[in-house]
Protein backbone atom coordinates (compact mmCIF):
# COMPACT_ATOMS: atom_id res chain seq x y z
CA MET A 1 26.09 29.28 -27.99
CA ARG A 2 23.75 32.46 -27.71
CA GLN A 3 20.05 31.67 -28.14
CA PRO A 4 17.49 33.70 -29.52
CA ASP A 5 14.64 34.35 -27.11
CA PRO A 6 11.23 32.32 -28.02
CA THR A 7 9.45 34.98 -29.05
CA THR A 8 12.08 36.31 -31.52
CA MET A 9 11.98 32.59 -32.93
CA LEU A 10 8.18 32.67 -33.33
CA ALA A 11 8.35 35.99 -34.93
CA PHE A 12 10.85 34.91 -37.59
CA ASN A 13 8.76 31.64 -38.23
CA MET A 14 5.40 33.75 -38.20
CA GLY A 15 7.11 36.18 -40.79
CA ASN A 16 8.35 33.50 -42.96
CA GLN A 17 5.19 31.57 -43.05
CA LYS A 18 2.06 33.92 -43.17
CA GLY A 19 -1.29 32.32 -42.12
CA VAL A 20 0.39 29.26 -41.25
CA TYR A 21 -0.17 29.58 -37.19
CA ALA A 22 -3.35 29.38 -35.60
CA LEU A 23 -3.72 31.18 -32.29
CA LEU A 24 -5.62 29.21 -29.38
CA LEU A 25 -6.60 31.92 -27.01
CA GLY A 26 -8.09 31.55 -23.53
CA SER A 27 -9.46 33.76 -20.88
CA GLY A 28 -5.99 35.10 -19.84
CA VAL A 29 -6.02 36.84 -23.28
CA SER A 30 -9.15 39.20 -22.27
CA SER A 31 -8.42 39.83 -18.71
CA GLY A 32 -6.29 42.97 -20.13
CA ALA A 33 -9.73 43.99 -21.34
CA GLY A 34 -11.32 44.02 -17.80
CA ILE A 35 -12.87 40.76 -18.42
CA ARG A 36 -12.81 38.11 -15.69
CA THR A 37 -11.10 34.79 -15.90
CA GLY A 38 -13.37 31.68 -15.39
CA TRP A 39 -11.77 31.74 -11.98
CA GLN A 40 -12.66 35.53 -11.11
CA ILE A 41 -16.20 34.35 -12.38
CA THR A 42 -16.55 31.60 -9.88
CA LEU A 43 -15.34 33.47 -7.05
CA ASP A 44 -17.77 36.00 -7.71
CA LEU A 45 -20.64 34.12 -7.99
CA VAL A 46 -19.91 32.28 -4.80
CA ARG A 47 -19.99 36.24 -3.24
CA ARG A 48 -23.38 36.50 -4.68
CA TYR A 49 -24.87 33.34 -3.80
CA ALA A 50 -23.42 33.94 -0.30
CA LEU A 51 -24.99 37.31 -0.17
CA GLY A 52 -28.51 36.00 -1.35
CA LEU A 53 -28.41 33.74 1.71
CA SER A 54 -27.56 36.69 4.42
CA THR A 55 -25.52 39.84 4.54
CA GLU A 56 -23.64 37.91 6.92
CA ASP A 57 -22.61 35.09 4.56
CA GLY A 58 -21.97 37.86 1.94
CA GLU A 59 -19.48 39.56 4.02
CA GLU A 60 -17.78 36.78 4.82
CA ALA A 61 -17.69 35.51 1.31
CA SER A 62 -16.56 38.90 0.18
CA ALA A 63 -13.46 38.71 2.92
CA ASP A 64 -12.58 35.28 1.87
CA PRO A 65 -14.90 33.42 -0.99
CA VAL A 66 -12.47 30.29 -0.88
CA ALA A 67 -12.55 29.90 3.00
CA TRP A 68 -16.19 30.51 3.16
CA CYS A 69 -16.92 27.98 0.35
CA LYS A 70 -15.18 25.14 2.55
CA GLY A 71 -16.67 26.12 5.63
CA VAL A 72 -20.38 26.61 4.52
CA LEU A 73 -20.54 24.34 1.73
CA GLY A 74 -18.23 21.92 2.60
CA CYS A 75 -15.86 22.03 -0.77
CA ASP A 76 -13.77 24.38 -2.65
CA PRO A 77 -15.44 26.77 -5.09
CA ASN A 78 -16.53 25.07 -8.19
CA TYR A 79 -18.03 26.71 -11.22
CA ASP A 80 -20.70 23.43 -11.76
CA ASP A 81 -21.42 23.55 -8.12
CA ILE A 82 -22.51 27.21 -7.98
CA MET A 83 -23.91 27.58 -11.43
CA GLY A 84 -26.16 24.39 -10.23
CA ARG A 85 -27.10 26.50 -6.94
CA LEU A 86 -27.99 29.53 -9.03
CA THR A 87 -29.65 28.42 -12.10
CA LYS A 88 -31.45 25.32 -13.68
CA THR A 89 -30.92 26.12 -17.42
CA ARG A 90 -28.75 26.67 -19.88
CA GLU A 91 -30.64 29.99 -20.82
CA ASP A 92 -30.58 31.10 -17.01
CA ARG A 93 -26.60 30.41 -17.29
CA GLN A 94 -26.35 32.91 -20.29
CA ALA A 95 -28.39 35.62 -18.48
CA ILE A 96 -26.16 35.50 -15.49
CA LEU A 97 -22.99 35.40 -17.68
CA GLN A 98 -23.60 38.40 -19.97
CA PRO A 99 -23.28 41.30 -17.86
CA TYR A 100 -19.31 39.94 -17.51
CA PHE A 101 -18.85 40.81 -20.74
CA GLU A 102 -20.27 44.05 -21.23
CA ASP A 103 -19.91 47.50 -19.40
CA GLY A 104 -22.72 49.37 -17.56
CA ASN A 105 -24.33 50.54 -20.39
CA GLY A 106 -24.70 46.76 -22.08
CA ASP A 107 -21.87 47.69 -24.94
CA HIS A 108 -18.86 45.67 -25.57
CA ARG A 109 -15.99 46.27 -23.54
CA PRO A 110 -12.96 48.18 -25.38
CA CYS A 111 -10.32 45.82 -26.70
CA SER A 112 -7.00 45.10 -25.01
CA GLU A 113 -3.72 46.03 -25.99
CA ALA A 114 -3.29 42.25 -26.90
CA HIS A 115 -6.40 42.22 -29.20
CA LYS A 116 -5.42 45.34 -30.91
CA ALA A 117 -1.68 43.79 -31.64
CA ILE A 118 -3.78 40.49 -32.61
CA ALA A 119 -5.57 42.61 -35.20
CA GLN A 120 -2.55 44.01 -36.69
CA LEU A 121 -1.21 40.95 -37.41
CA VAL A 122 -4.43 39.68 -39.42
CA LYS A 123 -4.40 42.66 -41.30
CA ARG A 124 -0.91 41.86 -42.87
CA GLY A 125 -1.81 38.49 -43.16
CA TYR A 126 0.33 36.50 -40.60
CA ILE A 127 -2.80 35.22 -38.79
CA LYS A 128 -6.02 33.65 -40.34
CA VAL A 129 -7.34 31.22 -37.58
CA PHE A 130 -8.19 31.37 -34.12
CA LEU A 131 -9.73 28.82 -31.60
CA THR A 132 -10.88 30.33 -28.32
CA THR A 133 -12.74 29.39 -25.56
CA ASN A 134 -13.82 32.95 -24.77
CA PHE A 135 -17.40 33.82 -24.90
CA ASP A 136 -16.39 37.66 -25.33
CA ARG A 137 -16.51 39.13 -28.90
CA LEU A 138 -13.16 41.19 -28.46
CA VAL A 139 -11.25 39.34 -31.21
CA GLU A 140 -13.85 39.72 -33.83
CA ASN A 141 -14.40 43.27 -32.76
CA ALA A 142 -10.59 44.25 -32.84
CA ILE A 143 -10.24 42.55 -36.32
CA ALA A 144 -13.30 44.22 -37.64
CA ALA A 145 -12.14 47.78 -36.50
CA GLU A 146 -9.08 47.30 -37.55
CA CYS A 147 -9.52 45.20 -40.92
CA GLY A 148 -12.78 47.46 -41.75
CA ARG A 149 -14.65 43.91 -42.15
CA PRO A 150 -15.58 41.33 -39.76
CA PRO A 151 -14.00 37.49 -39.74
CA GLN A 152 -16.00 34.58 -40.25
CA VAL A 153 -17.29 33.54 -36.96
CA ILE A 154 -17.91 30.03 -35.97
CA ALA A 155 -19.67 29.69 -32.61
CA SER A 156 -21.89 26.62 -33.04
CA PRO A 157 -22.14 23.42 -34.88
CA ASP A 158 -24.91 24.81 -37.32
CA GLN A 159 -22.38 27.56 -38.01
CA ALA A 160 -19.51 25.17 -38.50
CA ARG A 161 -21.51 23.14 -41.00
CA GLY A 162 -22.32 26.34 -43.05
CA ALA A 163 -19.02 27.83 -43.12
CA LEU A 164 -16.74 28.25 -46.19
CA PRO A 165 -13.66 26.31 -45.94
CA LEU A 166 -10.88 27.54 -43.86
CA ALA A 167 -8.69 27.95 -46.77
CA HIS A 168 -10.90 30.22 -48.67
CA GLU A 169 -11.87 32.59 -45.87
CA TRP A 170 -9.59 35.36 -45.30
CA CYS A 171 -9.93 35.26 -41.35
CA THR A 172 -11.76 32.89 -39.32
CA VAL A 173 -12.55 32.84 -35.35
CA ILE A 174 -13.77 29.46 -34.17
CA LYS A 175 -15.43 29.95 -30.65
CA LEU A 176 -15.46 26.26 -29.46
CA HIS A 177 -17.50 27.29 -26.22
CA GLY A 178 -19.79 29.53 -28.05
CA ASP A 179 -20.97 33.04 -27.79
CA TYR A 180 -22.37 35.03 -24.90
CA LYS A 181 -25.34 36.13 -26.59
CA ASP A 182 -26.18 32.67 -27.58
CA ALA A 183 -27.84 30.39 -24.77
CA ARG A 184 -26.18 27.25 -26.25
CA ILE A 185 -22.82 28.02 -24.54
CA LEU A 186 -20.85 25.19 -23.14
CA ASN A 187 -19.50 26.24 -19.47
CA THR A 188 -20.10 22.95 -17.11
CA SER A 189 -17.82 20.54 -16.94
CA SER A 190 -20.09 17.85 -18.12
CA GLU A 191 -20.81 20.14 -21.32
CA LEU A 192 -16.88 20.40 -21.80
CA LYS A 193 -16.24 16.94 -21.87
CA ARG A 194 -17.29 16.56 -25.88
CA TYR A 195 -18.11 18.75 -28.26
CA HIS A 196 -20.35 18.52 -31.12
CA ARG A 197 -18.97 16.22 -33.97
CA ASP A 198 -18.90 19.44 -36.49
CA MET A 199 -16.85 21.64 -34.11
CA THR A 200 -14.66 18.51 -33.51
CA ARG A 201 -14.41 18.06 -37.14
CA LEU A 202 -12.98 21.61 -37.57
CA LEU A 203 -10.98 21.53 -34.28
CA LYS A 204 -9.18 18.51 -35.84
CA GLN A 205 -8.43 20.27 -39.07
CA VAL A 206 -6.79 22.96 -37.36
CA LEU A 207 -4.75 20.95 -35.19
CA ASP A 208 -3.69 18.68 -38.26
CA GLU A 209 -2.94 21.81 -40.63
CA TYR A 210 -1.60 24.62 -38.61
CA GLY A 211 0.80 25.71 -36.16
CA LEU A 212 -0.35 26.62 -32.85
CA VAL A 213 0.32 29.49 -30.47
CA VAL A 214 -1.26 29.33 -27.27
CA CYS A 215 -1.97 32.11 -24.66
CA GLY A 216 -4.14 32.49 -21.83
CA TRP A 217 -5.46 28.78 -21.64
CA SER A 218 -5.16 26.82 -18.50
CA ALA A 219 -5.91 23.27 -20.12
CA THR A 220 -7.69 22.60 -16.70
CA TRP A 221 -11.48 22.59 -17.57
CA ASP A 222 -11.57 22.00 -21.03
CA THR A 223 -11.43 18.32 -21.55
CA ALA A 224 -12.53 17.93 -24.85
CA LEU A 225 -9.93 20.48 -26.37
CA ARG A 226 -7.34 19.21 -24.24
CA ASP A 227 -8.40 15.58 -25.59
CA ALA A 228 -8.32 16.84 -29.12
CA ILE A 229 -4.78 18.33 -29.00
CA LEU A 230 -3.33 15.10 -27.21
CA GLY A 231 -4.81 13.18 -29.85
CA ALA A 232 -3.64 15.11 -32.85
CA PRO A 233 -1.69 12.70 -34.96
CA ASN A 234 0.29 15.32 -37.13
CA ARG A 235 2.29 18.06 -35.98
CA ARG A 236 3.45 19.50 -39.29
CA PHE A 237 4.56 22.89 -37.79
CA ALA A 238 5.81 24.12 -34.48
CA ALA A 239 3.72 24.93 -31.42
CA TYR A 240 4.31 27.91 -28.80
CA TRP A 241 3.06 28.36 -25.34
CA ALA A 242 2.94 31.58 -23.71
CA GLN A 243 2.67 31.32 -19.84
CA TYR A 244 2.08 33.41 -16.96
CA GLY A 245 3.17 32.21 -13.87
CA ALA A 246 3.12 28.25 -12.96
CA MET A 247 1.93 25.76 -15.40
CA SER A 248 -0.47 23.24 -14.49
CA ASP A 249 0.18 19.62 -14.66
CA LEU A 250 -2.57 19.35 -17.15
CA ALA A 251 -1.17 22.23 -19.15
CA ARG A 252 2.29 20.80 -19.11
CA GLU A 253 0.96 17.32 -20.57
CA VAL A 254 -0.79 18.97 -23.36
CA CYS A 255 2.63 21.39 -23.84
CA ASP A 256 4.67 18.45 -24.02
CA SER A 257 2.45 16.31 -26.71
CA ARG A 258 2.67 19.21 -28.90
CA LYS A 259 6.67 19.95 -28.14
CA ALA A 260 5.49 23.32 -27.86
CA GLU A 261 8.27 25.99 -27.34
CA VAL A 262 7.33 27.53 -23.65
CA ILE A 263 7.56 31.50 -23.57
CA ASP A 264 7.38 32.93 -19.56
CA ILE A 265 5.24 36.11 -20.35
CA ALA A 266 4.27 38.92 -18.03
CA SER A 267 0.93 39.44 -19.49
CA ALA A 268 -0.93 38.54 -22.66
CA ASP A 269 -0.72 42.44 -23.58
CA ALA A 270 2.84 42.46 -23.53
CA PHE A 271 3.23 39.20 -25.10
CA PHE A 272 1.26 40.31 -28.29
CA THR A 273 2.52 43.70 -28.55
CA ASP A 274 6.04 42.41 -28.42
CA LEU A 275 5.24 39.75 -31.05
CA GLU A 276 3.65 42.22 -33.23
CA GLN A 277 6.34 44.87 -32.89
CA LYS A 278 9.07 42.16 -33.79
CA VAL A 279 6.95 40.54 -36.78
CA THR A 280 6.72 44.12 -38.01
CA ALA A 281 10.26 44.50 -37.67
CA LEU A 282 11.19 41.79 -39.96
CA GLU A 283 9.22 43.20 -42.70
CA LYS A 284 11.83 45.96 -42.86
CA PRO A 285 15.25 45.16 -44.17
CA GLU A 286 17.39 47.52 -41.94
CA ALA A 287 15.65 45.86 -39.01
CA THR A 288 15.14 42.43 -40.22
CA TRP A 289 18.45 41.10 -40.08
CA LEU A 290 19.40 42.99 -36.76
CA LEU A 291 16.56 40.81 -35.29
CA SER A 292 16.84 37.71 -37.06
CA VAL A 293 20.41 37.06 -37.43
CA PRO A 294 20.43 34.71 -34.04
CA VAL A 295 17.49 32.88 -35.15
CA ALA A 296 18.88 32.26 -38.74
CA VAL A 297 22.04 30.94 -36.88
CA ALA A 298 20.58 28.78 -34.74
CA THR A 299 18.28 27.18 -37.56
CA THR A 300 21.38 26.65 -39.78
CA LYS A 301 23.18 24.97 -37.16
CA ARG A 302 20.27 22.59 -36.43
CA LEU A 303 20.01 21.58 -39.86
CA LEU A 304 23.78 21.31 -40.37
CA HIS A 305 23.55 18.50 -37.46
CA ASP A 306 20.51 16.70 -38.80
CA PRO A 307 21.54 14.08 -41.13
CA ALA A 308 18.01 13.98 -42.67
CA ALA A 309 17.71 17.75 -43.24
CA ASP A 310 19.68 17.99 -46.44
CA ILE A 311 17.02 19.16 -48.56
CA LYS A 312 15.37 21.32 -45.50
CA LEU A 313 18.80 23.14 -45.45
CA ASP A 314 19.06 23.38 -49.03
CA GLU A 315 15.17 25.07 -49.07
CA PHE A 316 16.40 27.33 -46.16
CA VAL A 317 19.55 28.60 -47.93
CA ARG A 318 17.90 29.27 -51.29
CA ARG A 319 15.31 30.89 -49.93
CA GLU A 320 17.50 33.39 -47.91
CA THR A 321 19.31 34.02 -51.08
CA GLU A 322 16.58 34.55 -53.27
CA TRP A 323 15.33 37.16 -50.91
CA VAL A 324 18.71 39.04 -50.67
CA TYR A 325 18.58 38.71 -54.55
CA GLY A 326 15.34 40.51 -54.80
CA VAL A 327 16.18 43.15 -52.64
CA LEU A 328 18.98 43.99 -54.61
CA TRP A 329 17.90 43.39 -58.12
CA GLY A 330 14.30 42.31 -57.92
CA ASN A 331 11.92 44.72 -59.58
CA ASP A 332 14.58 46.62 -61.33
CA PRO A 333 15.69 48.75 -57.92
CA LYS A 334 18.12 51.71 -58.91
CA PRO A 335 21.43 51.51 -56.92
CA GLU A 336 22.68 54.25 -54.83
CA ALA A 337 24.53 57.15 -56.52
CA ASP A 338 26.83 57.21 -53.41
CA MET A 339 29.32 54.30 -52.84
CA ASP A 340 28.88 54.20 -49.00
CA ALA A 341 25.22 54.20 -49.43
CA GLU A 342 25.18 51.50 -52.09
CA LEU A 343 27.61 49.29 -50.07
CA THR A 344 25.34 49.57 -46.77
CA ARG A 345 22.62 48.61 -48.95
CA HIS A 346 24.28 45.43 -49.88
CA GLU A 347 25.28 44.98 -46.22
CA VAL A 348 21.77 45.23 -44.70
CA ALA A 349 20.54 42.93 -47.45
CA ALA A 350 23.15 40.12 -46.81
CA LYS A 351 23.51 40.42 -43.48
CA VAL A 352 21.38 37.00 -42.38
CA LEU A 353 22.90 35.22 -45.45
CA THR A 354 26.64 36.06 -44.51
CA ALA A 355 25.62 34.43 -40.95
CA VAL A 356 24.28 31.48 -42.65
CA ALA A 357 27.32 31.36 -44.87
CA SER A 358 29.70 31.30 -41.99
CA CYS A 359 28.14 28.55 -40.55
CA GLY A 360 28.37 26.41 -43.45
CA GLY A 361 32.12 27.45 -43.85
CA ALA A 362 32.67 26.31 -40.17
CA TYR A 363 30.28 23.40 -39.62
CA GLY A 364 29.30 22.21 -43.10
CA GLY A 365 30.06 19.09 -44.78
CA GLU A 366 31.59 18.23 -48.47
CA GLN A 367 27.84 17.27 -49.71
CA ASP A 368 26.67 20.73 -49.00
CA ALA A 369 29.52 22.70 -50.33
CA PRO A 370 27.77 23.02 -54.08
CA MET A 371 24.85 25.02 -52.24
CA TRP A 372 27.28 27.59 -50.78
CA VAL A 373 29.15 28.11 -54.20
CA GLY A 374 25.35 28.08 -55.65
CA ALA A 375 24.47 31.31 -53.41
CA VAL A 376 27.75 33.12 -54.16
CA ARG A 377 27.26 32.38 -57.85
CA ARG A 378 23.74 33.80 -57.46
CA MET A 379 24.99 37.01 -56.11
CA LEU A 380 27.46 37.46 -59.14
CA ARG A 381 24.49 36.53 -61.48
CA GLY A 382 22.67 39.76 -60.22
CA ARG A 383 25.54 41.62 -61.40
CA GLY A 384 26.52 39.93 -64.50
CA LEU A 385 30.06 39.49 -64.70
CA ASP A 386 31.82 41.21 -67.73
CA VAL A 387 34.80 43.10 -65.87
CA GLU A 388 37.86 42.12 -66.57
CA SER A 389 40.02 44.78 -65.15
CA ALA A 390 40.01 46.06 -61.56
CA GLY A 391 37.47 48.87 -61.21
CA CYS A 392 34.51 50.03 -59.18
CA ASP A 393 32.07 47.48 -59.39
CA LEU A 394 29.81 47.76 -56.16
CA GLN A 395 27.23 45.32 -57.43
CA ARG A 396 29.86 42.25 -56.80
CA TYR A 397 29.90 43.28 -53.08
CA ALA A 398 27.38 41.08 -51.94
CA ALA A 399 29.18 38.22 -53.59
CA VAL A 400 32.28 39.17 -51.85
CA LEU A 401 30.66 39.39 -48.45
CA LEU A 402 29.31 35.83 -48.74
CA VAL A 403 32.96 34.71 -50.00
CA TYR A 404 34.55 36.09 -46.93
CA ALA A 405 31.86 34.97 -44.18
CA PHE A 406 31.93 31.38 -45.56
CA GLY A 407 36.00 31.59 -45.63
CA ILE A 408 36.32 33.20 -41.88
CA GLY A 409 34.11 30.35 -40.56
CA ALA A 410 36.03 27.71 -42.34
CA VAL A 411 39.05 29.39 -41.02
CA ALA A 412 37.85 29.85 -37.24
CA GLN A 413 37.60 25.81 -37.38
CA GLU A 414 40.85 25.31 -39.00
CA ARG A 415 39.10 23.73 -42.17
CA TRP A 416 41.97 24.88 -44.71
CA GLU A 417 41.05 22.43 -47.13
CA ARG A 418 37.74 23.72 -47.23
CA VAL A 419 38.58 27.25 -47.91
CA ALA A 420 41.00 26.40 -50.70
CA THR A 421 38.52 24.21 -52.33
CA PHE A 422 35.86 26.62 -52.42
CA LEU A 423 37.91 29.61 -53.78
CA ARG A 424 39.08 27.47 -56.52
CA GLN A 425 35.31 26.68 -57.85
CA PRO A 426 34.72 28.93 -61.05
CA ALA A 427 32.58 32.03 -61.00
CA GLY A 428 30.18 30.21 -63.26
CA TYR A 429 28.33 32.90 -64.93
CA GLY A 430 29.26 35.50 -67.48
CA LEU A 431 32.59 36.53 -69.25
CA LEU A 432 34.40 35.30 -66.51
CA ALA A 433 32.41 32.04 -65.61
CA ASP A 434 35.69 30.01 -65.90
CA ARG A 435 37.31 32.40 -63.37
CA PRO A 436 37.82 31.04 -59.96
CA LEU A 437 36.12 32.73 -57.09
CA ALA A 438 39.66 33.62 -55.29
CA VAL A 439 40.04 36.32 -58.55
CA VAL A 440 36.36 37.27 -59.21
CA CYS A 441 35.60 38.01 -55.82
CA ALA A 442 38.85 39.80 -54.85
CA PRO A 443 37.96 43.14 -52.99
CA HIS A 444 39.80 44.97 -55.29
CA TYR A 445 37.21 44.47 -58.09
CA VAL A 446 34.59 46.18 -55.63
CA ALA A 447 36.45 49.39 -55.20
CA SER A 448 40.26 49.89 -54.74
CA ARG A 449 41.72 52.77 -52.67
CA GLN A 450 41.50 55.42 -55.23
CA HIS A 451 37.76 55.11 -55.31
CA TRP A 452 37.75 56.72 -51.38
CA ALA A 453 37.60 60.52 -51.15
CA GLN A 454 39.73 60.02 -48.06
CA PRO A 455 40.63 56.48 -47.44
CA SER A 456 41.59 55.84 -43.88
CA SER A 457 44.02 52.96 -44.69
CA TRP A 458 45.77 51.61 -47.76
CA HIS A 459 43.10 48.81 -47.63
CA PRO A 460 39.54 50.33 -47.22
CA VAL A 461 37.64 47.21 -48.81
CA SER A 462 39.43 45.05 -46.31
CA ASP A 463 38.56 47.49 -43.33
CA ARG A 464 34.65 47.93 -44.82
CA LEU A 465 34.40 44.19 -44.82
CA HIS A 466 36.07 43.59 -41.45
CA ALA A 467 33.15 46.09 -39.80
CA ALA A 468 30.43 45.03 -42.14
CA LEU A 469 30.62 41.06 -40.89
CA ARG A 470 31.43 41.65 -37.19
CA ASP A 471 27.92 41.41 -36.12
CA SER A 472 26.76 38.47 -38.70
CA LEU A 473 29.72 36.45 -37.13
CA ARG A 474 29.25 37.23 -33.66
CA ASP A 475 27.97 33.94 -32.85
CA LEU A 476 30.95 32.11 -34.50
CA LEU A 477 33.53 34.58 -33.07
CA PRO A 478 32.54 36.33 -30.03
CA ASN A 479 35.79 37.54 -29.03
CA ASP A 480 36.84 40.63 -30.96
CA ASP A 481 40.75 39.45 -31.03
CA GLU A 482 40.21 36.11 -32.28
CA TYR A 483 37.68 37.76 -35.11
CA GLU A 484 40.36 39.96 -36.37
CA ARG A 485 42.89 36.86 -36.18
CA CYS A 486 40.42 34.52 -38.13
CA PHE A 487 39.59 37.79 -40.64
CA CYS A 488 43.44 38.18 -41.25
CA GLU A 489 44.53 34.40 -41.61
CA TYR A 490 41.48 34.12 -44.16
CA GLU A 491 42.43 37.05 -46.08
CA LEU A 492 45.84 35.86 -46.61
CA VAL A 493 44.80 32.45 -47.74
CA HIS A 494 42.64 34.33 -49.98
CA ALA A 495 45.49 36.34 -51.45
CA LEU A 496 47.67 33.14 -51.94
CA GLN A 497 45.18 31.37 -53.49
CA ALA A 498 44.51 33.85 -55.98
CA GLY A 499 47.95 34.24 -56.67
CA ALA A 500 48.37 30.79 -57.40
CA LEU A 501 45.21 30.81 -59.84
CA ASP A 502 45.05 34.27 -61.27
CA ARG A 503 46.72 34.29 -65.00
CA GLN A 504 46.77 38.10 -64.68
CA ARG A 505 48.69 38.33 -61.60
CA ASP A 506 51.30 40.77 -62.80
CA GLN A 507 48.50 43.32 -62.73
CA ALA A 508 46.80 42.17 -59.75
CA ARG A 509 49.48 42.60 -56.98
CA GLY A 510 47.38 45.32 -55.50
CA PHE A 511 44.29 43.28 -54.87
CA PHE A 512 45.37 42.05 -51.49
CA VAL A 513 46.97 44.85 -49.86
CA GLY A 514 44.59 43.73 -47.02
CA ARG A 515 44.46 44.02 -43.21
CA PHE A 516 46.71 41.33 -42.84
CA TRP A 517 49.33 43.04 -43.88
CA SER A 518 48.99 45.83 -41.11
CA ARG A 519 48.56 42.85 -38.40
CA TRP A 520 51.41 40.70 -39.85
CA PRO A 521 54.25 43.24 -41.33
CA GLY A 522 56.63 41.92 -44.36
CA ARG A 523 58.83 39.69 -42.10
CA TRP A 524 56.21 37.00 -42.69
CA PHE A 525 56.94 37.05 -46.41
CA ALA A 526 60.80 37.50 -45.89
CA GLY A 527 62.51 34.77 -48.14
CA GLY A 528 59.41 34.04 -50.14
CA VAL A 529 56.82 31.34 -49.83
CA GLU A 530 55.54 28.32 -51.92
CA ARG A 531 54.68 29.17 -55.11
CA ASP A 532 51.55 27.24 -55.58
CA TRP A 533 49.21 27.51 -52.51
CA ALA A 534 47.15 24.45 -53.34
CA THR A 535 50.58 22.24 -52.79
CA ARG A 536 50.52 23.21 -49.21
CA PHE A 537 46.94 21.37 -49.08
CA ARG A 538 48.49 18.35 -50.24
CA SER A 539 51.02 18.21 -47.67
CA THR A 540 51.04 16.07 -44.48
CA ASP A 541 50.94 19.09 -42.23
CA PRO A 542 47.01 19.53 -41.71
CA ARG A 543 47.25 23.14 -40.51
CA PRO A 544 49.32 25.82 -42.74
CA THR A 545 50.58 28.03 -40.25
CA MET A 546 52.58 31.56 -40.72
CA ALA A 547 55.96 29.81 -40.35
CA HIS A 548 55.22 27.72 -43.55
CA TRP A 549 54.84 30.81 -45.24
CA GLY A 550 58.54 32.01 -44.53
CA GLY A 551 61.42 29.96 -45.24
CA ASP A 552 63.93 29.02 -47.92
CA LEU A 553 61.79 28.67 -50.79
CA ALA A 554 61.83 29.84 -54.60
CA ARG A 555 60.81 33.18 -55.95
CA SER A 556 57.28 33.40 -56.30
CA TRP A 557 54.23 35.99 -56.72
CA ILE A 558 53.77 36.33 -53.28
CA THR A 559 57.46 37.71 -52.87
CA GLU A 560 56.26 40.18 -55.31
CA LEU A 561 53.38 41.08 -53.42
CA ALA A 562 55.51 41.49 -50.37
CA GLU A 563 57.90 43.56 -52.04
CA PHE A 564 54.59 45.61 -53.62
CA CYS A 565 53.25 45.98 -49.82
CA GLY A 566 56.54 47.17 -48.45
CA GLU A 567 56.44 49.82 -51.24
CA VAL A 568 53.23 50.76 -50.68
CA CYS A 569 53.80 51.02 -46.98
CA ARG A 570 56.88 53.19 -47.40
CA GLY A 571 55.10 55.42 -50.07
């Protein structure tokens, strides 16, 4: 199965659950703004320390600080050790570090592309909580510049005690190690072993109540943060870990404990820019479904294969159904006057739902059948069924798309009984409530050939459905020839089922002049076929092949349909 990339999956989940994910940002996110990582600062401090000893030491350390440290100090470069040689108090450390977070004029460094993308996500409500080990102010500055107001910043235990609850604040940045302007910053190994109880309480709340997106954090030095994640009892939402290069063993341990999805990235700038663009695309119907169909298919398959996920599957399908219903009929939208534009509107809105329905037809069980029927009925309710005769009823198109997608999915797995049972279900709404879906969702009800100015074939609605459903069913049927075969087999099953159930079939013979007739000409109908298609599914043969539809059988409506199709083709 073609899997969606992890960033797309994150964008889909973040887009559908605003404010659920918290970002954990390490120094790697600020590097794009010219701020050095902890390791880079350590190496620079080694150079400065060596230069203070002598010019010769300074030159050697500048060329290779690691080798100089090992040769002169007898150890690898170590932040605690070099800071201990340079300073004695927190205030001294704070003064040494401050220039690393400002430009030459003492001003804040400009935000990176990552910070700008993050601020966009905050502005639209997708992210409300941040955890960061960084001393800089790039996140809060970017948010304030983009949103026109600063976020709540918690950088010390007293701020944690006096802060508004996370649920009542529009955006909160929790700076676990403090702010570079505050001498109380935590930056040595001993200081990072444990946090103050007020900061620990806040950290545990975030880890318990929010999903987590980690970027730029190595997990190597921050013992208290690492232990807090490892000890978090609940994992209510998914976690994602954006990683550049090889992951350390400690980071791998934390990642595995959270069951995080690892995303390999080129840089924090590239990752957050890509994420913001994908989340933005999900806001637009014309881009949303092109982007998220693979994610929806993967989600549906996972839920279908999980015996304990029936409720989640039902909620997932209902949510997608209501989204389509809202796009098509919510807030009293005006249908397009142009037929092609109106059909396109339905196709775009229903793209994900048709992909989901095809998985339901292919892999679902009998217990979830009412859920799929309910989705079709919801689409029909949007239109309101009060049309008995064939005509141009474009508002029925979304329901027809769903019926076709479910049926083709079932045919792809040769689940013939599932198709027949589904098509026999009553529409359940309006004046046609007792009519079966096979009849109510006949393509001819959407628009007949005469409604096209210049129809390309005798079955323009069928051709339209064939093209519209191709992308949604590509995961299930990647081969075009297989898709064509399953589409036509389903259409023929639909035609036969409708013929067996339609009490007005004498007037409805033209409903099913579909692509199947072009693929399998009249020879398949020679001699007639069974009068009642439903009896075929009570036979001992599990797969009703084309051969079953020929043979020496009595007169039936399908014989009349064959004659009608022949007349059409000759005419």
